[in-house]
C-alpha atoms as a PDB file:
ATOM      1  CA  VAL A   1      92.485  61.114  84.851  1.00  0.00           C
ATOM      2  CA  LYS A   2      94.562  63.750  83.013  1.00  0.00           C
ATOM      3  CA  ALA A   3      91.414  65.429  81.724  1.00  0.00           C
ATOM      4  CA  VAL A   4      90.020  65.711  85.253  1.00  0.00           C
ATOM      5  CA  GLN A   5      93.300  67.098  86.569  1.00  0.00           C
ATOM      6  CA  ASN A   6      93.464  69.656  83.765  1.00  0.00           C
ATOM      7  CA  TYR A   7      89.862  70.673  84.397  1.00  0.00           C
ATOM      8  CA  LYS A   8      90.528  71.110  88.128  1.00  0.00           C
ATOM      9  CA  ARG A   9      93.661  73.142  87.400  1.00  0.00           C
ATOM     10  CA  GLN A  10      91.802  75.433  84.983  1.00  0.00           C
ATOM     11  CA  GLU A  11      88.958  75.796  87.442  1.00  0.00           C
ATOM     12  CA  GLY A  12      91.434  76.820  90.148  1.00  0.00           C
ATOM     13  CA  LEU A  13      93.132  79.308  87.830  1.00  0.00           C
ATOM     14  CA  ALA A  14      89.786  80.867  86.945  1.00  0.00           C
ATOM     15  CA  LEU A  15      88.961  81.267  90.638  1.00  0.00           C
ATOM     16  CA  ALA A  16      92.372  82.843  91.288  1.00  0.00           C
ATOM     17  CA  GLY A  17      91.777  85.270  88.415  1.00  0.00           C
ATOM     18  CA  THR A  18      88.428  86.267  89.893  1.00  0.00           C
ATOM     19  CA  ALA A  19      90.014  86.844  93.302  1.00  0.00           C
ATOM     20  CA  GLN A  20      92.761  88.979  91.718  1.00  0.00           C
ATOM     21  CA  CYS A  21      90.175  91.045  89.843  1.00  0.00           C
ATOM     22  CA  SER A  22      88.181  91.595  93.042  1.00  0.00           C
ATOM     23  CA  PHE A  23      91.334  92.708  94.837  1.00  0.00           C
ATOM     24  CA  ASN A  24      92.166  95.141  92.014  1.00  0.00           C
ATOM     25  CA  VAL A  25      88.692  96.678  92.203  1.00  0.00           C
ATOM     26  CA  LEU A  26      88.992  97.098  95.974  1.00  0.00           C
ATOM     27  CA  GLU A  27      92.466  98.602  95.622  1.00  0.00           C
ATOM     28  CA  ALA A  28      91.214 101.123  93.031  1.00  0.00           C
ATOM     29  CA  PHE A  29      88.286 102.077  95.273  1.00  0.00           C
ATOM     30  CA  VAL A  30      90.531 102.649  98.295  1.00  0.00           C
ATOM     31  CA  SER A  31      92.890 104.720  96.134  1.00  0.00           C
ATOM     32  CA  ALA A  32      90.004 106.863  94.856  1.00  0.00           C
ATOM     33  CA  VAL A  33      88.762 107.475  98.401  1.00  0.00           C
ATOM     34  CA  GLY A  34      92.280 108.446  99.473  1.00  0.00           C
ATOM     35  CA  MET A  35      92.553 110.832  96.525  1.00  0.00           C
ATOM     36  CA  GLY A  36      89.275 112.442  97.639  1.00  0.00           C
ATOM     37  CA  ASP A  37      90.701 112.932 101.128  1.00  0.00           C
ATOM     38  CA  ASP A  38      93.781 114.608  99.615  1.00  0.00           C
ATOM     39  CA  ILE A  39      91.625 116.929  97.518  1.00  0.00           C
ATOM     40  CA  ASN A  40      89.535 117.834 100.580  1.00  0.00           C
ATOM     41  CA  ALA A  41      92.737 118.636 102.502  1.00  0.00           C
ATOM     42  CA  ILE A  42      93.892 120.936  99.699  1.00  0.00           C
ATOM     43  CA  ILE A  43      90.534 122.696  99.647  1.00  0.00           C
ATOM     44  CA  ARG A  44      90.700 123.257 103.406  1.00  0.00           C
ATOM     45  CA  THR A  45      94.304 124.541 103.420  1.00  0.00           C
ATOM     46  CA  CYS A  46      94.210 126.587 100.205  1.00  0.00           C
ATOM     47  CA  PRO A  47      91.403 129.155 100.584  1.00  0.00           C
ATOM     48  CA  SER A  48      92.176 132.695  99.422  1.00  0.00           C
ATOM     49  CA  PRO A  49      93.695 134.903 100.775  1.00  0.00           C
ATOM     50  CA  ARG A  50      96.643 132.862 102.064  1.00  0.00           C
ATOM     51  CA  ASP A  51      99.383 133.980 104.403  1.00  0.00           C
ATOM     52  CA  GLY A  52     102.909 132.517 104.230  1.00  0.00           C
ATOM     53  CA  GLU A  53     102.153 129.391 106.278  1.00  0.00           C
ATOM     54  CA  SER A  54      98.950 128.673 104.375  1.00  0.00           C
ATOM     55  CA  GLU A  55     100.737 129.115 101.039  1.00  0.00           C
ATOM     56  CA  LEU A  56     103.414 126.636 102.115  1.00  0.00           C
ATOM     57  CA  ALA A  57     100.770 124.123 103.295  1.00  0.00           C
ATOM     58  CA  CYS A  58      98.927 124.538 100.002  1.00  0.00           C
ATOM     59  CA  GLN A  59     102.101 123.900  97.982  1.00  0.00           C
ATOM     60  CA  VAL A  60     102.975 120.834 100.066  1.00  0.00           C
ATOM     61  CA  ASN A  61      99.479 119.365  99.681  1.00  0.00           C
ATOM     62  CA  GLY A  62      99.522 120.086  95.933  1.00  0.00           C
ATOM     63  CA  GLY A  63     102.939 118.423  95.624  1.00  0.00           C
ATOM     64  CA  ILE A  64     101.776 115.331  97.487  1.00  0.00           C
ATOM     65  CA  LEU A  65      98.698 115.036  95.267  1.00  0.00           C
ATOM     66  CA  GLY A  66     100.846 115.394  92.149  1.00  0.00           C
ATOM     67  CA  ALA A  67     103.285 112.719  93.264  1.00  0.00           C
END
């Protein structure tokens, strides 16, 4: 009986580990997509030549990406 209980427990832990790994992969993917959106925003707001407002927007976007 103990052996069966231990097997079931280990089986459940393995399944939980797989679910955690899948979640981590999804989280990394969503983060990478968000980083791409930030980079695209910087490209759109930082073309040369920049006036005062564009320079400020560029610095803010760069600061957000660096944080």
